[in-house]
Amino acid sequence: MEVIGIKDVNFKAKDGGTVQGVRLYVTDNSVKVNAGVACEALFLSDYLLEKNNLRSGDIQVGDHLDIAYNKYGKISFVGVQ
């Protein structure tokens, strides 16, 4: 996955707490399309980034990411190549 866009995110959760992180817009080569490239948006909380020894500023447009999902379909690992 290649990062093609980045947006800082900050919102209130249902429990009243604040959630901060980053929304990444990435290409997705695993999805077959008839023309062009598929893309998707991923949300990475600051907690998830810290868990993977990253900060939001560590990811830049043009970076390639390794993403792993847990059995519930949530992102569990983020690596920057």
PDB file of N, CA and C in Angstrom:
ATOM      1  N   MET A   1       0.841  -1.171   0.000  1.00  0.00           N
ATOM      2  CA  MET A   1       0.000   0.000   0.000  1.00  0.00           C
ATOM      3  C   MET A   1       0.890   1.239   0.000  1.00  0.00           C
ATOM      4  N   GLU A   2       0.584   2.154  -0.897  1.00  0.00           N
ATOM      5  CA  GLU A   2       1.320   3.414  -0.954  1.00  0.00           C
ATOM      6  C   GLU A   2       0.447   4.537  -0.409  1.00  0.00           C
ATOM      7  N   VAL A   3       0.989   5.372   0.445  1.00  0.00           N
ATOM      8  CA  VAL A   3       0.256   6.501   1.018  1.00  0.00           C
ATOM      9  C   VAL A   3       0.147   7.601  -0.040  1.00  0.00           C
ATOM     10  N   ILE A   4      -1.103   8.006  -0.323  1.00  0.00           N
ATOM     11  CA  ILE A   4      -1.332   9.067  -1.303  1.00  0.00           C
ATOM     12  C   ILE A   4      -1.967  10.304  -0.672  1.00  0.00           C
ATOM     13  N   GLY A   5      -2.351  10.207   0.618  1.00  0.00           N
ATOM     14  CA  GLY A   5      -2.927  11.348   1.318  1.00  0.00           C
ATOM     15  C   GLY A   5      -2.942  11.112   2.819  1.00  0.00           C
ATOM     16  N   ILE A   6      -2.885  12.207   3.578  1.00  0.00           N
ATOM     17  CA  ILE A   6      -2.845  12.125   5.037  1.00  0.00           C
ATOM     18  C   ILE A   6      -3.723  13.235   5.609  1.00  0.00           C
ATOM     19  N   LYS A   7      -4.517  12.885   6.640  1.00  0.00           N
ATOM     20  CA  LYS A   7      -5.353  13.883   7.314  1.00  0.00           C
ATOM     21  C   LYS A   7      -5.316  13.604   8.815  1.00  0.00           C
ATOM     22  N   ASP A   8      -4.976  14.625   9.620  1.00  0.00           N
ATOM     23  CA  ASP A   8      -5.030  14.477  11.072  1.00  0.00           C
ATOM     24  C   ASP A   8      -6.485  14.392  11.511  1.00  0.00           C
ATOM     25  N   VAL A   9      -6.744  13.544  12.514  1.00  0.00           N
ATOM     26  CA  VAL A   9      -8.108  13.328  12.985  1.00  0.00           C
ATOM     27  C   VAL A   9      -8.139  13.506  14.496  1.00  0.00           C
ATOM     28  N   ASN A  10      -9.190  14.175  14.985  1.00  0.00           N
ATOM     29  CA  ASN A  10      -9.385  14.391  16.405  1.00  0.00           C
ATOM     30  C   ASN A  10     -10.889  14.488  16.633  1.00  0.00           C
ATOM     31  N   PHE A  11     -11.467  13.537  17.399  1.00  0.00           N
ATOM     32  CA  PHE A  11     -12.909  13.561  17.630  1.00  0.00           C
ATOM     33  C   PHE A  11     -13.242  12.980  18.999  1.00  0.00           C
ATOM     34  N   LYS A  12     -14.484  13.216  19.426  1.00  0.00           N
ATOM     35  CA  LYS A  12     -14.956  12.667  20.692  1.00  0.00           C
ATOM     36  C   LYS A  12     -15.579  11.300  20.448  1.00  0.00           C
ATOM     37  N   ALA A  13     -15.188  10.335  21.272  1.00  0.00           N
ATOM     38  CA  ALA A  13     -15.743   8.991  21.189  1.00  0.00           C
ATOM     39  C   ALA A  13     -17.101   8.961  21.894  1.00  0.00           C
ATOM     40  N   LYS A  14     -17.823   7.875  21.698  1.00  0.00           N
ATOM     41  CA  LYS A  14     -19.136   7.729  22.323  1.00  0.00           C
ATOM     42  C   LYS A  14     -19.056   7.785  23.840  1.00  0.00           C
ATOM     43  N   ASP A  15     -17.936   7.349  24.409  1.00  0.00           N
ATOM     44  CA  ASP A  15     -17.788   7.365  25.870  1.00  0.00           C
ATOM     45  C   ASP A  15     -17.342   8.727  26.396  1.00  0.00           C
ATOM     46  N   GLY A  16     -17.209   9.715  25.509  1.00  0.00           N
ATOM     47  CA  GLY A  16     -16.832  11.059  25.911  1.00  0.00           C
ATOM     48  C   GLY A  16     -15.342  11.343  25.841  1.00  0.00           C
ATOM     49  N   GLY A  17     -14.539  10.299  25.654  1.00  0.00           N
ATOM     50  CA  GLY A  17     -13.093  10.479  25.543  1.00  0.00           C
ATOM     51  C   GLY A  17     -12.710  11.046  24.185  1.00  0.00           C
ATOM     52  N   THR A  18     -11.500  11.514  24.084  1.00  0.00           N
ATOM     53  CA  THR A  18     -10.989  12.063  22.823  1.00  0.00           C
ATOM     54  C   THR A  18     -10.169  11.005  22.098  1.00  0.00           C
ATOM     55  N   VAL A  19     -10.411  10.886  20.815  1.00  0.00           N
ATOM     56  CA  VAL A  19      -9.646   9.969  19.976  1.00  0.00           C
ATOM     57  C   VAL A  19      -8.844  10.811  18.996  1.00  0.00           C
ATOM     58  N   GLN A  20      -7.538  10.576  18.971  1.00  0.00           N
ATOM     59  CA  GLN A  20      -6.672  11.283  18.037  1.00  0.00           C
ATOM     60  C   GLN A  20      -5.932  10.265  17.192  1.00  0.00           C
ATOM     61  N   GLY A  21      -5.637  10.666  15.979  1.00  0.00           N
ATOM     62  CA  GLY A  21      -4.900   9.788  15.091  1.00  0.00           C
ATOM     63  C   GLY A  21      -4.753  10.413  13.722  1.00  0.00           C
ATOM     64  N   VAL A  22      -4.656   9.546  12.739  1.00  0.00           N
ATOM     65  CA  VAL A  22      -4.444  10.000  11.372  1.00  0.00           C
ATOM     66  C   VAL A  22      -5.242   9.117  10.425  1.00  0.00           C
ATOM     67  N   ARG A  23      -5.847   9.747   9.415  1.00  0.00           N
ATOM     68  CA  ARG A  23      -6.526   8.995   8.359  1.00  0.00           C
ATOM     69  C   ARG A  23      -5.573   8.984   7.175  1.00  0.00           C
ATOM     70  N   LEU A  24      -5.255   7.785   6.726  1.00  0.00           N
ATOM     71  CA  LEU A  24      -4.357   7.625   5.579  1.00  0.00           C
ATOM     72  C   LEU A  24      -5.162   7.187   4.376  1.00  0.00           C
ATOM     73  N   TYR A  25      -4.910   7.805   3.255  1.00  0.00           N
ATOM     74  CA  TYR A  25      -5.497   7.398   1.988  1.00  0.00           C
ATOM     75  C   TYR A  25      -4.398   6.649   1.253  1.00  0.00           C
ATOM     76  N   VAL A  26      -4.678   5.396   0.911  1.00  0.00           N
ATOM     77  CA  VAL A  26      -3.646   4.516   0.359  1.00  0.00           C
ATOM     78  C   VAL A  26      -4.154   3.790  -0.880  1.00  0.00           C
ATOM     79  N   THR A  27      -3.215   3.437  -1.752  1.00  0.00           N
ATOM     80  CA  THR A  27      -3.552   2.565  -2.872  1.00  0.00           C
ATOM     81  C   THR A  27      -3.646   1.144  -2.337  1.00  0.00           C
ATOM     82  N   ASP A  28      -4.453   0.327  -2.992  1.00  0.00           N
ATOM     83  CA  ASP A  28      -4.633  -1.054  -2.540  1.00  0.00           C
ATOM     84  C   ASP A  28      -4.504  -1.991  -3.738  1.00  0.00           C
ATOM     85  N   ASN A  29      -3.321  -2.549  -3.900  1.00  0.00           N
ATOM     86  CA  ASN A  29      -3.068  -3.430  -5.037  1.00  0.00           C
ATOM     87  C   ASN A  29      -3.727  -4.794  -4.898  1.00  0.00           C
ATOM     88  N   SER A  30      -4.270  -5.109  -3.718  1.00  0.00           N
ATOM     89  CA  SER A  30      -4.918  -6.410  -3.540  1.00  0.00           C
ATOM     90  C   SER A  30      -6.315  -6.446  -4.158  1.00  0.00           C
ATOM     91  N   VAL A  31      -6.858  -5.272  -4.481  1.00  0.00           N
ATOM     92  CA  VAL A  31      -8.179  -5.185  -5.100  1.00  0.00           C
ATOM     93  C   VAL A  31      -8.003  -5.036  -6.603  1.00  0.00           C
ATOM     94  N   LYS A  32      -8.589  -5.936  -7.355  1.00  0.00           N
ATOM     95  CA  LYS A  32      -8.489  -5.882  -8.823  1.00  0.00           C
ATOM     96  C   LYS A  32      -9.549  -4.940  -9.376  1.00  0.00           C
ATOM     97  N   VAL A  33      -9.115  -4.003 -10.213  1.00  0.00           N
ATOM     98  CA  VAL A  33     -10.019  -3.065 -10.864  1.00  0.00           C
ATOM     99  C   VAL A  33      -9.809  -3.159 -12.374  1.00  0.00           C
ATOM    100  N   ASN A  34     -10.792  -2.715 -13.146  1.00  0.00           N
ATOM    101  CA  ASN A  34     -10.685  -2.778 -14.602  1.00  0.00           C
ATOM    102  C   ASN A  34      -9.691  -1.772 -15.155  1.00  0.00           C
ATOM    103  N   ALA A  35      -9.597  -0.603 -14.512  1.00  0.00           N
ATOM    104  CA  ALA A  35      -8.664   0.429 -14.954  1.00  0.00           C
ATOM    105  C   ALA A  35      -8.231   1.239 -13.744  1.00  0.00           C
ATOM    106  N   GLY A  36      -6.992   1.646 -13.725  1.00  0.00           N
ATOM    107  CA  GLY A  36      -6.488   2.460 -12.624  1.00  0.00           C
ATOM    108  C   GLY A  36      -6.094   1.638 -11.414  1.00  0.00           C
ATOM    109  N   VAL A  37      -6.143   2.271 -10.259  1.00  0.00           N
ATOM    110  CA  VAL A  37      -5.706   1.651  -9.017  1.00  0.00           C
ATOM    111  C   VAL A  37      -6.791   1.824  -7.970  1.00  0.00           C
ATOM    112  N   ALA A  38      -7.084   0.774  -7.208  1.00  0.00           N
ATOM    113  CA  ALA A  38      -8.040   0.877  -6.108  1.00  0.00           C
ATOM    114  C   ALA A  38      -7.395   1.614  -4.951  1.00  0.00           C
ATOM    115  N   CYS A  39      -8.205   2.310  -4.172  1.00  0.00           N
ATOM    116  CA  CYS A  39      -7.674   2.997  -2.999  1.00  0.00           C
ATOM    117  C   CYS A  39      -8.678   2.892  -1.860  1.00  0.00           C
ATOM    118  N   GLU A  40      -8.198   3.166  -0.650  1.00  0.00           N
ATOM    119  CA  GLU A  40      -9.060   3.128   0.520  1.00  0.00           C
ATOM    120  C   GLU A  40      -8.512   4.064   1.575  1.00  0.00           C
ATOM    121  N   ALA A  41      -9.332   4.331   2.584  1.00  0.00           N
ATOM    122  CA  ALA A  41      -8.929   5.166   3.711  1.00  0.00           C
ATOM    123  C   ALA A  41      -8.762   4.281   4.937  1.00  0.00           C
ATOM    124  N   LEU A  42      -7.679   4.495   5.682  1.00  0.00           N
ATOM    125  CA  LEU A  42      -7.405   3.753   6.903  1.00  0.00           C
ATOM    126  C   LEU A  42      -7.301   4.741   8.059  1.00  0.00           C
ATOM    127  N   PHE A  43      -7.881   4.404   9.211  1.00  0.00           N
ATOM    128  CA  PHE A  43      -7.715   5.235  10.393  1.00  0.00           C
ATOM    129  C   PHE A  43      -6.739   4.549  11.333  1.00  0.00           C
ATOM    130  N   LEU A  44      -5.708   5.289  11.737  1.00  0.00           N
ATOM    131  CA  LEU A  44      -4.737   4.791  12.701  1.00  0.00           C
ATOM    132  C   LEU A  44      -4.757   5.716  13.907  1.00  0.00           C
ATOM    133  N   SER A  45      -5.166   5.193  15.051  1.00  0.00           N
ATOM    134  CA  SER A  45      -5.195   6.000  16.268  1.00  0.00           C
ATOM    135  C   SER A  45      -3.764   6.230  16.755  1.00  0.00           C
ATOM    136  N   ASP A  46      -3.585   7.269  17.553  1.00  0.00           N
ATOM    137  CA  ASP A  46      -2.276   7.515  18.153  1.00  0.00           C
ATOM    138  C   ASP A  46      -1.847   6.309  18.984  1.00  0.00           C
ATOM    139  N   TYR A  47      -2.813   5.661  19.654  1.00  0.00           N
ATOM    140  CA  TYR A  47      -2.514   4.469  20.458  1.00  0.00           C
ATOM    141  C   TYR A  47      -1.917   3.365  19.583  1.00  0.00           C
ATOM    142  N   LEU A  48      -2.540   3.099  18.433  1.00  0.00           N
ATOM    143  CA  LEU A  48      -2.039   2.055  17.529  1.00  0.00           C
ATOM    144  C   LEU A  48      -0.664   2.428  16.982  1.00  0.00           C
ATOM    145  N   LEU A  49      -0.490   3.684  16.637  1.00  0.00           N
ATOM    146  CA  LEU A  49       0.814   4.130  16.136  1.00  0.00           C
ATOM    147  C   LEU A  49       1.896   3.923  17.194  1.00  0.00           C
ATOM    148  N   GLU A  50       1.620   4.354  18.439  1.00  0.00           N
ATOM    149  CA  GLU A  50       2.597   4.191  19.514  1.00  0.00           C
ATOM    150  C   GLU A  50       2.912   2.717  19.761  1.00  0.00           C
ATOM    151  N   LYS A  51       1.887   1.881  19.680  1.00  0.00           N
ATOM    152  CA  LYS A  51       2.062   0.438  19.863  1.00  0.00           C
ATOM    153  C   LYS A  51       3.031  -0.141  18.826  1.00  0.00           C
ATOM    154  N   ASN A  52       3.096   0.493  17.662  1.00  0.00           N
ATOM    155  CA  ASN A  52       3.980   0.058  16.579  1.00  0.00           C
ATOM    156  C   ASN A  52       5.219   0.939  16.458  1.00  0.00           C
ATOM    157  N   ASN A  53       5.536   1.665  17.540  1.00  0.00           N
ATOM    158  CA  ASN A  53       6.717   2.535  17.598  1.00  0.00           C
ATOM    159  C   ASN A  53       6.728   3.599  16.499  1.00  0.00           C
ATOM    160  N   LEU A  54       5.558   4.178  16.229  1.00  0.00           N
ATOM    161  CA  LEU A  54       5.423   5.225  15.214  1.00  0.00           C
ATOM    162  C   LEU A  54       4.697   6.424  15.809  1.00  0.00           C
ATOM    163  N   ARG A  55       4.839   7.561  15.134  1.00  0.00           N
ATOM    164  CA  ARG A  55       4.053   8.760  15.405  1.00  0.00           C
ATOM    165  C   ARG A  55       3.447   9.176  14.069  1.00  0.00           C
ATOM    166  N   SER A  56       2.397   9.980  14.110  1.00  0.00           N
ATOM    167  CA  SER A  56       1.724  10.366  12.862  1.00  0.00           C
ATOM    168  C   SER A  56       2.679  11.046  11.891  1.00  0.00           C
ATOM    169  N   GLY A  57       3.653  11.817  12.393  1.00  0.00           N
ATOM    170  CA  GLY A  57       4.614  12.491  11.526  1.00  0.00           C
ATOM    171  C   GLY A  57       5.628  11.558  10.883  1.00  0.00           C
ATOM    172  N   ASP A  58       5.691  10.299  11.339  1.00  0.00           N
ATOM    173  CA  ASP A  58       6.633   9.333  10.766  1.00  0.00           C
ATOM    174  C   ASP A  58       6.174   8.802   9.409  1.00  0.00           C
ATOM    175  N   ILE A  59       4.900   8.961   9.098  1.00  0.00           N
ATOM    176  CA  ILE A  59       4.342   8.456   7.841  1.00  0.00           C
ATOM    177  C   ILE A  59       4.164   9.631   6.895  1.00  0.00           C
ATOM    178  N   GLN A  60       4.711   9.497   5.699  1.00  0.00           N
ATOM    179  CA  GLN A  60       4.680  10.570   4.707  1.00  0.00           C
ATOM    180  C   GLN A  60       4.040  10.084   3.410  1.00  0.00           C
ATOM    181  N   VAL A  61       3.533  11.019   2.614  1.00  0.00           N
ATOM    182  CA  VAL A  61       3.017  10.682   1.290  1.00  0.00           C
ATOM    183  C   VAL A  61       4.150  10.034   0.499  1.00  0.00           C
ATOM    184  N   GLY A  62       3.853   8.930  -0.162  1.00  0.00           N
ATOM    185  CA  GLY A  62       4.844   8.188  -0.934  1.00  0.00           C
ATOM    186  C   GLY A  62       5.400   6.988  -0.197  1.00  0.00           C
ATOM    187  N   ASP A  63       5.212   6.938   1.143  1.00  0.00           N
ATOM    188  CA  ASP A  63       5.675   5.770   1.904  1.00  0.00           C
ATOM    189  C   ASP A  63       4.863   4.539   1.524  1.00  0.00           C
ATOM    190  N   HIS A  64       5.493   3.392   1.637  1.00  0.00           N
ATOM    191  CA  HIS A  64       4.813   2.110   1.429  1.00  0.00           C
ATOM    192  C   HIS A  64       4.619   1.462   2.787  1.00  0.00           C
ATOM    193  N   LEU A  65       3.414   0.953   3.028  1.00  0.00           N
ATOM    194  CA  LEU A  65       3.061   0.397   4.327  1.00  0.00           C
ATOM    195  C   LEU A  65       2.844  -1.102   4.260  1.00  0.00           C
ATOM    196  N   ASP A  66       3.204  -1.757   5.361  1.00  0.00           N
ATOM    197  CA  ASP A  66       2.807  -3.141   5.604  1.00  0.00           C
ATOM    198  C   ASP A  66       1.717  -3.063   6.656  1.00  0.00           C
ATOM    199  N   ILE A  67       0.553  -3.605   6.351  1.00  0.00           N
ATOM    200  CA  ILE A  67      -0.584  -3.579   7.266  1.00  0.00           C
ATOM    201  C   ILE A  67      -0.992  -5.019   7.550  1.00  0.00           C
ATOM    202  N   ALA A  68      -1.209  -5.326   8.828  1.00  0.00           N
ATOM    203  CA  ALA A  68      -1.737  -6.639   9.220  1.00  0.00           C
ATOM    204  C   ALA A  68      -3.021  -6.407  10.014  1.00  0.00           C
ATOM    205  N   TYR A  69      -3.966  -7.293   9.844  1.00  0.00           N
ATOM    206  CA  TYR A  69      -5.258  -7.197  10.506  1.00  0.00           C
ATOM    207  C   TYR A  69      -5.411  -8.346  11.495  1.00  0.00           C
ATOM    208  N   ASN A  70      -6.146  -8.096  12.591  1.00  0.00           N
ATOM    209  CA  ASN A  70      -6.424  -9.176  13.535  1.00  0.00           C
ATOM    210  C   ASN A  70      -7.643  -9.970  13.069  1.00  0.00           C
ATOM    211  N   LYS A  71      -8.045 -10.951  13.845  1.00  0.00           N
ATOM    212  CA  LYS A  71      -9.157 -11.819  13.425  1.00  0.00           C
ATOM    213  C   LYS A  71     -10.497 -11.089  13.387  1.00  0.00           C
ATOM    214  N   TYR A  72     -10.555  -9.879  13.949  1.00  0.00           N
ATOM    215  CA  TYR A  72     -11.777  -9.091  13.937  1.00  0.00           C
ATOM    216  C   TYR A  72     -11.805  -8.063  12.801  1.00  0.00           C
ATOM    217  N   GLY A  73     -10.763  -8.082  11.952  1.00  0.00           N
ATOM    218  CA  GLY A  73     -10.692  -7.159  10.831  1.00  0.00           C
ATOM    219  C   GLY A  73     -10.161  -5.787  11.180  1.00  0.00           C
ATOM    220  N   LYS A  74      -9.622  -5.630  12.372  1.00  0.00           N
ATOM    221  CA  LYS A  74      -9.030  -4.358  12.802  1.00  0.00           C
ATOM    222  C   LYS A  74      -7.540  -4.365  12.528  1.00  0.00           C
ATOM    223  N   ILE A  75      -6.981  -3.210  12.218  1.00  0.00           N
ATOM    224  CA  ILE A  75      -5.534  -3.116  11.984  1.00  0.00           C
ATOM    225  C   ILE A  75      -4.801  -3.391  13.296  1.00  0.00           C
ATOM    226  N   SER A  76      -3.857  -4.317  13.232  1.00  0.00           N
ATOM    227  CA  SER A  76      -3.085  -4.666  14.432  1.00  0.00           C
ATOM    228  C   SER A  76      -1.604  -4.335  14.281  1.00  0.00           C
ATOM    229  N   PHE A  77      -1.134  -4.197  13.039  1.00  0.00           N
ATOM    230  CA  PHE A  77       0.276  -3.891  12.803  1.00  0.00           C
ATOM    231  C   PHE A  77       0.398  -2.915  11.651  1.00  0.00           C
ATOM    232  N   VAL A  78       1.293  -1.942  11.825  1.00  0.00           N
ATOM    233  CA  VAL A  78       1.623  -0.984  10.764  1.00  0.00           C
ATOM    234  C   VAL A  78       3.129  -0.889  10.687  1.00  0.00           C
ATOM    235  N   GLY A  79       3.664  -1.110   9.502  1.00  0.00           N
ATOM    236  CA  GLY A  79       5.091  -0.965   9.277  1.00  0.00           C
ATOM    237  C   GLY A  79       5.322  -0.062   8.082  1.00  0.00           C
ATOM    238  N   VAL A  80       6.330   0.786   8.168  1.00  0.00           N
ATOM    239  CA  VAL A  80       6.674   1.702   7.070  1.00  0.00           C
ATOM    240  C   VAL A  80       7.924   1.172   6.395  1.00  0.00           C
ATOM    241  N   GLN A  81       7.849   1.032   5.073  1.00  0.00           N
ATOM    242  CA  GLN A  81       8.999   0.545   4.312  1.00  0.00           C
ATOM    243  C   GLN A  81       9.840   1.712   3.839  1.00  0.00           C
TER     244      GLN A  81
END
